[in-house]
Amino acid sequence: MEPLTVTVDGAKKVLGLGHTKIYELIGKGRLKTVKIGRRTLVKTDSIRALVEQAA
């Protein structure tokens, strides 16, 4: 089963972007997140959508 979310660090690794850029994309709504406790998790479907839009 494929993960539904990844950590911000996981998103950084997958996309090859820095911490600041990831949070910028989250702020602009281009990456969707879910908060569980104090953790911010990035939805993997929003990562795919971001990459497809860039192509």
N, C-alpha and C. Protein backbone atom coordinates (compact mmCIF):
# COMPACT_ATOMS: atom_id res chain seq x y z
N MET A 1 0.84 -1.18 0.00
CA MET A 1 0.00 0.00 0.00
C MET A 1 0.89 1.25 0.00
N GLU A 2 0.56 2.17 -0.83
CA GLU A 2 1.30 3.42 -0.96
C GLU A 2 0.90 4.39 0.16
N PRO A 3 1.87 5.14 0.72
CA PRO A 3 1.52 6.09 1.78
C PRO A 3 0.63 7.21 1.26
N LEU A 4 -0.30 7.66 2.09
CA LEU A 4 -1.20 8.75 1.74
C LEU A 4 -0.56 10.11 2.02
N THR A 5 0.39 10.12 2.97
CA THR A 5 1.07 11.35 3.34
C THR A 5 2.56 11.07 3.55
N VAL A 6 3.33 12.14 3.50
CA VAL A 6 4.75 12.09 3.85
C VAL A 6 5.05 13.29 4.74
N THR A 7 6.13 13.20 5.49
CA THR A 7 6.54 14.34 6.31
C THR A 7 7.04 15.46 5.39
N VAL A 8 7.21 16.63 5.96
CA VAL A 8 7.78 17.74 5.20
C VAL A 8 9.18 17.36 4.72
N ASP A 9 9.96 16.69 5.56
CA ASP A 9 11.29 16.24 5.14
C ASP A 9 11.19 15.24 3.99
N GLY A 10 10.19 14.38 4.02
CA GLY A 10 9.97 13.42 2.94
C GLY A 10 9.63 14.14 1.64
N ALA A 11 8.78 15.16 1.73
CA ALA A 11 8.42 15.95 0.54
C ALA A 11 9.64 16.67 -0.01
N LYS A 12 10.50 17.17 0.88
CA LYS A 12 11.73 17.83 0.43
C LYS A 12 12.59 16.87 -0.38
N LYS A 13 12.74 15.65 0.11
CA LYS A 13 13.56 14.66 -0.58
C LYS A 13 12.96 14.26 -1.92
N VAL A 14 11.66 14.02 -1.93
CA VAL A 14 11.00 13.58 -3.15
C VAL A 14 11.06 14.66 -4.23
N LEU A 15 10.82 15.90 -3.84
CA LEU A 15 10.77 16.99 -4.81
C LEU A 15 12.13 17.64 -5.06
N GLY A 16 13.09 17.38 -4.18
CA GLY A 16 14.40 18.00 -4.34
C GLY A 16 14.38 19.49 -4.07
N LEU A 17 13.51 19.90 -3.16
CA LEU A 17 13.36 21.32 -2.82
C LEU A 17 13.77 21.55 -1.38
N GLY A 18 13.98 22.80 -1.03
CA GLY A 18 14.35 23.15 0.33
C GLY A 18 13.14 23.35 1.22
N HIS A 19 13.43 23.47 2.50
CA HIS A 19 12.43 23.65 3.54
C HIS A 19 11.55 24.88 3.27
N THR A 20 12.19 26.00 2.94
CA THR A 20 11.47 27.25 2.71
C THR A 20 10.52 27.13 1.52
N LYS A 21 10.97 26.52 0.44
CA LYS A 21 10.13 26.37 -0.76
C LYS A 21 8.94 25.46 -0.49
N ILE A 22 9.14 24.39 0.27
CA ILE A 22 8.04 23.49 0.61
C ILE A 22 6.96 24.26 1.37
N TYR A 23 7.37 25.03 2.38
CA TYR A 23 6.38 25.80 3.16
C TYR A 23 5.75 26.91 2.33
N GLU A 24 6.48 27.45 1.37
CA GLU A 24 5.90 28.44 0.45
C GLU A 24 4.79 27.80 -0.38
N LEU A 25 5.04 26.60 -0.91
CA LEU A 25 4.04 25.89 -1.69
C LEU A 25 2.83 25.50 -0.84
N ILE A 26 3.07 25.16 0.41
CA ILE A 26 1.97 24.86 1.33
C ILE A 26 1.14 26.13 1.56
N GLY A 27 1.81 27.24 1.79
CA GLY A 27 1.12 28.51 2.02
C GLY A 27 0.28 28.96 0.84
N LYS A 28 0.76 28.68 -0.36
CA LYS A 28 0.03 29.05 -1.58
C LYS A 28 -1.08 28.05 -1.91
N GLY A 29 -1.14 26.95 -1.15
CA GLY A 29 -2.18 25.94 -1.40
C GLY A 29 -1.83 24.96 -2.50
N ARG A 30 -0.61 24.98 -2.97
CA ARG A 30 -0.21 24.07 -4.05
C ARG A 30 0.16 22.69 -3.52
N LEU A 31 0.52 22.62 -2.25
CA LEU A 31 0.70 21.34 -1.57
C LEU A 31 -0.32 21.28 -0.45
N LYS A 32 -1.08 20.21 -0.40
CA LYS A 32 -2.12 20.04 0.63
C LYS A 32 -1.53 19.30 1.81
N THR A 33 -1.91 19.72 3.00
CA THR A 33 -1.38 19.10 4.21
C THR A 33 -2.50 18.68 5.14
N VAL A 34 -2.12 17.87 6.10
CA VAL A 34 -3.00 17.49 7.20
C VAL A 34 -2.17 17.58 8.47
N LYS A 35 -2.76 18.13 9.52
CA LYS A 35 -2.08 18.23 10.81
C LYS A 35 -2.57 17.11 11.70
N ILE A 36 -1.65 16.36 12.25
CA ILE A 36 -1.97 15.33 13.23
C ILE A 36 -1.09 15.63 14.44
N GLY A 37 -1.73 16.10 15.48
CA GLY A 37 -0.96 16.57 16.63
C GLY A 37 -0.13 17.77 16.21
N ARG A 38 1.16 17.70 16.46
CA ARG A 38 2.05 18.79 16.08
C ARG A 38 2.70 18.56 14.72
N ARG A 39 2.45 17.41 14.12
CA ARG A 39 3.10 17.07 12.85
C ARG A 39 2.30 17.61 11.66
N THR A 40 3.01 18.13 10.69
CA THR A 40 2.42 18.54 9.42
C THR A 40 2.81 17.49 8.40
N LEU A 41 1.81 16.87 7.79
CA LEU A 41 2.05 15.84 6.78
C LEU A 41 1.54 16.33 5.44
N VAL A 42 2.30 16.09 4.39
CA VAL A 42 1.95 16.51 3.04
C VAL A 42 1.27 15.34 2.33
N LYS A 43 0.13 15.62 1.71
CA LYS A 43 -0.61 14.58 0.99
C LYS A 43 0.12 14.24 -0.31
N THR A 44 0.34 12.95 -0.53
CA THR A 44 1.10 12.53 -1.71
C THR A 44 0.38 12.85 -3.01
N ASP A 45 -0.95 12.87 -3.00
CA ASP A 45 -1.66 13.21 -4.24
C ASP A 45 -1.41 14.66 -4.64
N SER A 46 -1.19 15.54 -3.67
CA SER A 46 -0.89 16.94 -4.01
C SER A 46 0.53 17.07 -4.55
N ILE A 47 1.45 16.19 -4.11
CA ILE A 47 2.81 16.18 -4.67
C ILE A 47 2.75 15.78 -6.13
N ARG A 48 1.99 14.72 -6.41
CA ARG A 48 1.84 14.27 -7.81
C ARG A 48 1.23 15.36 -8.69
N ALA A 49 0.19 16.02 -8.17
CA ALA A 49 -0.49 17.08 -8.94
C ALA A 49 0.48 18.21 -9.23
N LEU A 50 1.31 18.58 -8.27
CA LEU A 50 2.29 19.66 -8.45
C LEU A 50 3.27 19.30 -9.57
N VAL A 51 3.76 18.08 -9.55
CA VAL A 51 4.72 17.64 -10.57
C VAL A 51 4.05 17.58 -11.95
N GLU A 52 2.83 17.09 -12.01
CA GLU A 52 2.12 17.02 -13.30
C GLU A 52 1.84 18.40 -13.86
N GLN A 53 1.53 19.38 -13.01
CA GLN A 53 1.28 20.74 -13.47
C GLN A 53 2.55 21.38 -14.02
N ALA A 54 3.68 21.00 -13.44
CA ALA A 54 4.96 21.58 -13.86
C ALA A 54 5.45 21.00 -15.18
N ALA A 55 4.95 19.82 -15.54
CA ALA A 55 5.43 19.15 -16.74
C ALA A 55 4.87 19.76 -18.01
